[in-house]
Amino acid sequence: MSEHCTENEAAAEVEGIRLEIAVAPAAVTAAPETRDVIVRAIRAADEAAGPVRGVIGVLVEDDAAIRELNRRWRGVDKPTNVLSFAAAAAPSIAPRHLGDIAISYETTIREAQAEARPFAHHLAHLAVHGFLHLLGYDHQSDAAAEGMEDLERKILARLGIPDPYGM
């Protein structure tokens, strides 16, 4: 996790998942509900698509930090809203590390404003999207994208969040 987040690191248990969440101080200032939104979103996603057991790291950082991760791991030199890094399967090591999710709070804020959506709704959607990637879902084909989006809609509906794709 980023050096910027050390003051705001916390762990949360979601059934069989241990979430290790690091939120940049500026993100906490901009949106104090960030950590709680992520916990609720991943809980709902696990109920619909899981259950899974293990540890997930979640990083909420600024565009510069996410841009660097995107450049280093995907070869794309720009910030993005969410990145997922699924952990390789390992022998029975308990608890199993499932992977990491990195979210840019700055991009999330901009996108939410551009779409006239509440920040918390967009953040929940990105947390769900990242979690599903850790479980192996993708959107590389039209059929895969449709299946993943349908599952996202179902999960978000459980949270009272309107269809993000219907906009």
C-alpha atoms as a PDB file:
ATOM      1  CA  MET A   1       0.000   0.000   0.000  1.00  0.00           C
ATOM      2  CA  SER A   2       1.043   3.602  -0.508  1.00  0.00           C
ATOM      3  CA  GLU A   3       3.166   5.577   1.915  1.00  0.00           C
ATOM      4  CA  HIS A   4       0.527   8.321   1.724  1.00  0.00           C
ATOM      5  CA  CYS A   5      -2.040   6.128   3.462  1.00  0.00           C
ATOM      6  CA  THR A   6      -0.341   4.984   6.641  1.00  0.00           C
ATOM      7  CA  GLU A   7      -2.498   7.125   8.962  1.00  0.00           C
ATOM      8  CA  ASN A   8      -5.713   5.864   7.448  1.00  0.00           C
ATOM      9  CA  GLU A   9      -5.149   2.132   7.178  1.00  0.00           C
ATOM     10  CA  ALA A  10      -7.742  -0.105   8.741  1.00  0.00           C
ATOM     11  CA  ALA A  11      -8.882  -3.676   8.510  1.00  0.00           C
ATOM     12  CA  ALA A  12     -12.481  -4.809   8.311  1.00  0.00           C
ATOM     13  CA  GLU A  13     -13.983  -8.267   8.362  1.00  0.00           C
ATOM     14  CA  VAL A  14     -16.661  -9.051   5.783  1.00  0.00           C
ATOM     15  CA  GLU A  15     -17.797 -12.579   6.584  1.00  0.00           C
ATOM     16  CA  GLY A  16     -14.763 -14.631   5.432  1.00  0.00           C
ATOM     17  CA  ILE A  17     -12.940 -11.690   3.867  1.00  0.00           C
ATOM     18  CA  ARG A  18     -10.420  -9.523   5.636  1.00  0.00           C
ATOM     19  CA  LEU A  19     -10.314  -6.119   3.935  1.00  0.00           C
ATOM     20  CA  GLU A  20      -7.123  -4.164   4.464  1.00  0.00           C
ATOM     21  CA  ILE A  21      -8.130  -0.668   3.421  1.00  0.00           C
ATOM     22  CA  ALA A  22      -5.718   2.241   3.041  1.00  0.00           C
ATOM     23  CA  VAL A  23      -7.299   5.605   2.265  1.00  0.00           C
ATOM     24  CA  ALA A  24      -5.228   8.675   1.393  1.00  0.00           C
ATOM     25  CA  PRO A  25      -5.732  11.503   3.900  1.00  0.00           C
ATOM     26  CA  ALA A  26      -7.013  13.815   1.145  1.00  0.00           C
ATOM     27  CA  ALA A  27      -9.626  11.191   0.215  1.00  0.00           C
ATOM     28  CA  VAL A  28     -10.810  11.024   3.824  1.00  0.00           C
ATOM     29  CA  THR A  29     -11.126  14.799   3.830  1.00  0.00           C
ATOM     30  CA  ALA A  30     -12.971  14.849   0.481  1.00  0.00           C
ATOM     31  CA  ALA A  31     -15.261  11.920   1.291  1.00  0.00           C
ATOM     32  CA  PRO A  32     -15.217  10.683   4.904  1.00  0.00           C
ATOM     33  CA  GLU A  33     -17.641   7.848   4.022  1.00  0.00           C
ATOM     34  CA  THR A  34     -15.136   6.215   1.633  1.00  0.00           C
ATOM     35  CA  ARG A  35     -14.107   3.293   3.857  1.00  0.00           C
ATOM     36  CA  ASP A  36     -17.671   2.432   4.912  1.00  0.00           C
ATOM     37  CA  VAL A  37     -18.933   2.554   1.312  1.00  0.00           C
ATOM     38  CA  ILE A  38     -16.208   0.118   0.231  1.00  0.00           C
ATOM     39  CA  VAL A  39     -16.953  -2.318   3.078  1.00  0.00           C
ATOM     40  CA  ARG A  40     -20.708  -2.330   2.312  1.00  0.00           C
ATOM     41  CA  ALA A  41     -20.107  -2.739  -1.434  1.00  0.00           C
ATOM     42  CA  ILE A  42     -17.716  -5.659  -1.071  1.00  0.00           C
ATOM     43  CA  ARG A  43     -20.006  -7.310   1.480  1.00  0.00           C
ATOM     44  CA  ALA A  44     -22.912  -7.136  -1.005  1.00  0.00           C
ATOM     45  CA  ALA A  45     -20.696  -8.363  -3.850  1.00  0.00           C
ATOM     46  CA  ASP A  46     -19.495 -11.312  -1.792  1.00  0.00           C
ATOM     47  CA  GLU A  47     -23.080 -12.231  -0.879  1.00  0.00           C
ATOM     48  CA  ALA A  48     -24.050 -12.252  -4.575  1.00  0.00           C
ATOM     49  CA  ALA A  49     -20.927 -13.668  -6.210  1.00  0.00           C
ATOM     50  CA  GLY A  50     -19.128 -15.479  -3.402  1.00  0.00           C
ATOM     51  CA  PRO A  51     -18.631 -16.457  -0.819  1.00  0.00           C
ATOM     52  CA  VAL A  52     -14.875 -16.180  -0.936  1.00  0.00           C
ATOM     53  CA  ARG A  53     -12.397 -16.440   1.894  1.00  0.00           C
ATOM     54  CA  GLY A  54      -9.152 -14.530   2.228  1.00  0.00           C
ATOM     55  CA  VAL A  55      -7.542 -11.120   2.313  1.00  0.00           C
ATOM     56  CA  ILE A  56      -8.141  -8.232  -0.082  1.00  0.00           C
ATOM     57  CA  GLY A  57      -6.100  -5.053  -0.046  1.00  0.00           C
ATOM     58  CA  VAL A  58      -7.913  -1.872  -1.074  1.00  0.00           C
ATOM     59  CA  LEU A  59      -6.012   1.324  -1.814  1.00  0.00           C
ATOM     60  CA  VAL A  60      -7.801   4.645  -2.298  1.00  0.00           C
ATOM     61  CA  GLU A  61      -5.336   7.187  -3.616  1.00  0.00           C
ATOM     62  CA  ASP A  62      -4.981  10.236  -5.840  1.00  0.00           C
ATOM     63  CA  ASP A  63      -4.664  10.272  -9.623  1.00  0.00           C
ATOM     64  CA  ALA A  64      -0.855  10.475  -9.521  1.00  0.00           C
ATOM     65  CA  ALA A  65      -0.514   7.251  -7.515  1.00  0.00           C
ATOM     66  CA  ILE A  66      -3.072   5.387  -9.632  1.00  0.00           C
ATOM     67  CA  ARG A  67      -1.451   6.696 -12.828  1.00  0.00           C
ATOM     68  CA  GLU A  68       1.862   5.209 -11.696  1.00  0.00           C
ATOM     69  CA  LEU A  69       0.260   1.829 -10.938  1.00  0.00           C
ATOM     70  CA  ASN A  70      -1.529   1.889 -14.291  1.00  0.00           C
ATOM     71  CA  ARG A  71       1.724   2.737 -16.100  1.00  0.00           C
ATOM     72  CA  ARG A  72       3.784   0.145 -14.262  1.00  0.00           C
ATOM     73  CA  TRP A  73       1.348  -2.782 -14.478  1.00  0.00           C
ATOM     74  CA  ARG A  74      -0.712  -2.096 -17.608  1.00  0.00           C
ATOM     75  CA  GLY A  75       1.601   0.108 -19.661  1.00  0.00           C
ATOM     76  CA  VAL A  76      -1.049   2.856 -19.757  1.00  0.00           C
ATOM     77  CA  ASP A  77       0.372   6.220 -18.682  1.00  0.00           C
ATOM     78  CA  LYS A  78      -2.775   7.872 -17.336  1.00  0.00           C
ATOM     79  CA  PRO A  79      -4.953   7.636 -14.251  1.00  0.00           C
ATOM     80  CA  THR A  80      -7.996   5.409 -14.241  1.00  0.00           C
ATOM     81  CA  ASN A  81     -10.883   4.923 -11.835  1.00  0.00           C
ATOM     82  CA  VAL A  82     -10.162   1.371 -10.614  1.00  0.00           C
ATOM     83  CA  LEU A  83      -7.468  -1.272 -11.013  1.00  0.00           C
ATOM     84  CA  SER A  84      -7.636  -4.872  -9.836  1.00  0.00           C
ATOM     85  CA  PHE A  85      -4.714  -7.169  -9.246  1.00  0.00           C
ATOM     86  CA  ALA A  86      -5.794 -10.758  -8.650  1.00  0.00           C
ATOM     87  CA  ALA A  87      -3.304 -12.791  -6.637  1.00  0.00           C
ATOM     88  CA  ALA A  88      -1.902 -15.938  -8.142  1.00  0.00           C
ATOM     89  CA  ALA A  89      -3.287 -19.154  -6.691  1.00  0.00           C
ATOM     90  CA  ALA A  90      -0.992 -20.381  -3.958  1.00  0.00           C
ATOM     91  CA  PRO A  91      -0.781 -23.553  -1.920  1.00  0.00           C
ATOM     92  CA  SER A  92      -3.002 -23.619   1.173  1.00  0.00           C
ATOM     93  CA  ILE A  93      -1.676 -20.604   2.954  1.00  0.00           C
ATOM     94  CA  ALA A  94      -4.212 -19.241   5.387  1.00  0.00           C
ATOM     95  CA  PRO A  95      -5.526 -16.696   4.965  1.00  0.00           C
ATOM     96  CA  ARG A  96      -5.241 -16.676   1.189  1.00  0.00           C
ATOM     97  CA  HIS A  97      -4.470 -13.323  -0.424  1.00  0.00           C
ATOM     98  CA  LEU A  98      -7.175 -12.798  -3.067  1.00  0.00           C
ATOM     99  CA  GLY A  99      -5.668  -9.660  -4.556  1.00  0.00           C
ATOM    100  CA  ASP A 100      -5.712  -5.890  -4.449  1.00  0.00           C
ATOM    101  CA  ILE A 101      -8.027  -3.141  -5.659  1.00  0.00           C
ATOM    102  CA  ALA A 102      -6.776   0.414  -6.271  1.00  0.00           C
ATOM    103  CA  ILE A 103      -9.262   3.267  -6.689  1.00  0.00           C
ATOM    104  CA  SER A 104      -8.550   6.883  -7.601  1.00  0.00           C
ATOM    105  CA  TYR A 105     -10.789   9.062  -5.473  1.00  0.00           C
ATOM    106  CA  GLU A 106     -10.035  12.063  -7.716  1.00  0.00           C
ATOM    107  CA  THR A 107     -11.179  10.266 -10.871  1.00  0.00           C
ATOM    108  CA  THR A 108     -14.160   8.844  -8.978  1.00  0.00           C
ATOM    109  CA  ILE A 109     -15.225  12.329  -7.880  1.00  0.00           C
ATOM    110  CA  ARG A 110     -14.866  13.739 -11.425  1.00  0.00           C
ATOM    111  CA  GLU A 111     -16.783  10.857 -13.016  1.00  0.00           C
ATOM    112  CA  ALA A 112     -19.560  11.030 -10.425  1.00  0.00           C
ATOM    113  CA  GLN A 113     -19.948  14.764 -11.010  1.00  0.00           C
ATOM    114  CA  ALA A 114     -19.935  14.331 -14.809  1.00  0.00           C
ATOM    115  CA  GLU A 115     -22.649  11.656 -14.554  1.00  0.00           C
ATOM    116  CA  ALA A 116     -24.642  13.565 -11.901  1.00  0.00           C
ATOM    117  CA  ARG A 117     -24.365  10.584  -9.544  1.00  0.00           C
ATOM    118  CA  PRO A 118     -23.610  10.621  -5.829  1.00  0.00           C
ATOM    119  CA  PHE A 119     -19.938   9.950  -5.098  1.00  0.00           C
ATOM    120  CA  ALA A 120     -20.876   7.072  -2.775  1.00  0.00           C
ATOM    121  CA  HIS A 121     -22.833   5.331  -5.554  1.00  0.00           C
ATOM    122  CA  HIS A 122     -19.972   5.563  -8.030  1.00  0.00           C
ATOM    123  CA  LEU A 123     -17.421   4.478  -5.417  1.00  0.00           C
ATOM    124  CA  ALA A 124     -19.572   1.455  -4.505  1.00  0.00           C
ATOM    125  CA  HIS A 125     -19.828   0.538  -8.186  1.00  0.00           C
ATOM    126  CA  LEU A 126     -16.038   0.717  -8.608  1.00  0.00           C
ATOM    127  CA  ALA A 127     -15.450  -1.385  -5.474  1.00  0.00           C
ATOM    128  CA  VAL A 128     -17.911  -4.017  -6.754  1.00  0.00           C
ATOM    129  CA  HIS A 129     -16.332  -3.924 -10.220  1.00  0.00           C
ATOM    130  CA  GLY A 130     -12.838  -4.382  -8.767  1.00  0.00           C
ATOM    131  CA  PHE A 131     -13.994  -7.211  -6.501  1.00  0.00           C
ATOM    132  CA  LEU A 132     -15.576  -9.075  -9.412  1.00  0.00           C
ATOM    133  CA  HIS A 133     -12.313  -8.808 -11.350  1.00  0.00           C
ATOM    134  CA  LEU A 134     -10.561 -10.486  -8.401  1.00  0.00           C
ATOM    135  CA  LEU A 135     -13.045 -13.352  -8.759  1.00  0.00           C
ATOM    136  CA  GLY A 136     -12.174 -13.738 -12.439  1.00  0.00           C
ATOM    137  CA  TYR A 137     -14.950 -11.746 -14.091  1.00  0.00           C
ATOM    138  CA  ASP A 138     -13.934  -9.593 -17.033  1.00  0.00           C
ATOM    139  CA  HIS A 139     -15.346  -7.556 -19.894  1.00  0.00           C
ATOM    140  CA  GLN A 140     -13.048  -8.657 -22.700  1.00  0.00           C
ATOM    141  CA  SER A 141     -15.932  -9.868 -24.870  1.00  0.00           C
ATOM    142  CA  ASP A 142     -19.460  -8.561 -25.292  1.00  0.00           C
ATOM    143  CA  ALA A 143     -20.900 -11.655 -23.602  1.00  0.00           C
ATOM    144  CA  ALA A 144     -18.494 -11.413 -20.651  1.00  0.00           C
ATOM    145  CA  ALA A 145     -19.168  -7.678 -20.288  1.00  0.00           C
ATOM    146  CA  GLU A 146     -22.925  -8.250 -20.321  1.00  0.00           C
ATOM    147  CA  GLY A 147     -22.666 -10.940 -17.651  1.00  0.00           C
ATOM    148  CA  MET A 148     -20.428  -8.823 -15.442  1.00  0.00           C
ATOM    149  CA  GLU A 149     -22.648  -5.753 -15.834  1.00  0.00           C
ATOM    150  CA  ASP A 150     -25.771  -7.778 -14.999  1.00  0.00           C
ATOM    151  CA  LEU A 151     -24.127  -9.021 -11.812  1.00  0.00           C
ATOM    152  CA  GLU A 152     -22.998  -5.483 -10.934  1.00  0.00           C
ATOM    153  CA  ARG A 153     -26.581  -4.222 -11.388  1.00  0.00           C
ATOM    154  CA  LYS A 154     -27.887  -6.981  -9.099  1.00  0.00           C
ATOM    155  CA  ILE A 155     -25.307  -6.194  -6.401  1.00  0.00           C
ATOM    156  CA  LEU A 156     -25.829  -2.450  -6.593  1.00  0.00           C
ATOM    157  CA  ALA A 157     -29.611  -2.893  -6.428  1.00  0.00           C
ATOM    158  CA  ARG A 158     -29.091  -4.670  -3.069  1.00  0.00           C
ATOM    159  CA  LEU A 159     -27.445  -1.451  -1.906  1.00  0.00           C
ATOM    160  CA  GLY A 160     -30.253   0.744  -3.246  1.00  0.00           C
ATOM    161  CA  ILE A 161     -28.023   2.114  -6.014  1.00  0.00           C
ATOM    162  CA  PRO A 162     -29.574   2.729  -9.446  1.00  0.00           C
ATOM    163  CA  ASP A 163     -28.273   0.990 -12.576  1.00  0.00           C
ATOM    164  CA  PRO A 164     -24.991   2.721 -13.466  1.00  0.00           C
ATOM    165  CA  TYR A 165     -25.216   1.519 -17.066  1.00  0.00           C
ATOM    166  CA  GLY A 166     -28.707   2.880 -17.643  1.00  0.00           C
ATOM    167  CA  MET A 167     -27.447   6.439 -17.632  1.00  0.00           C
END
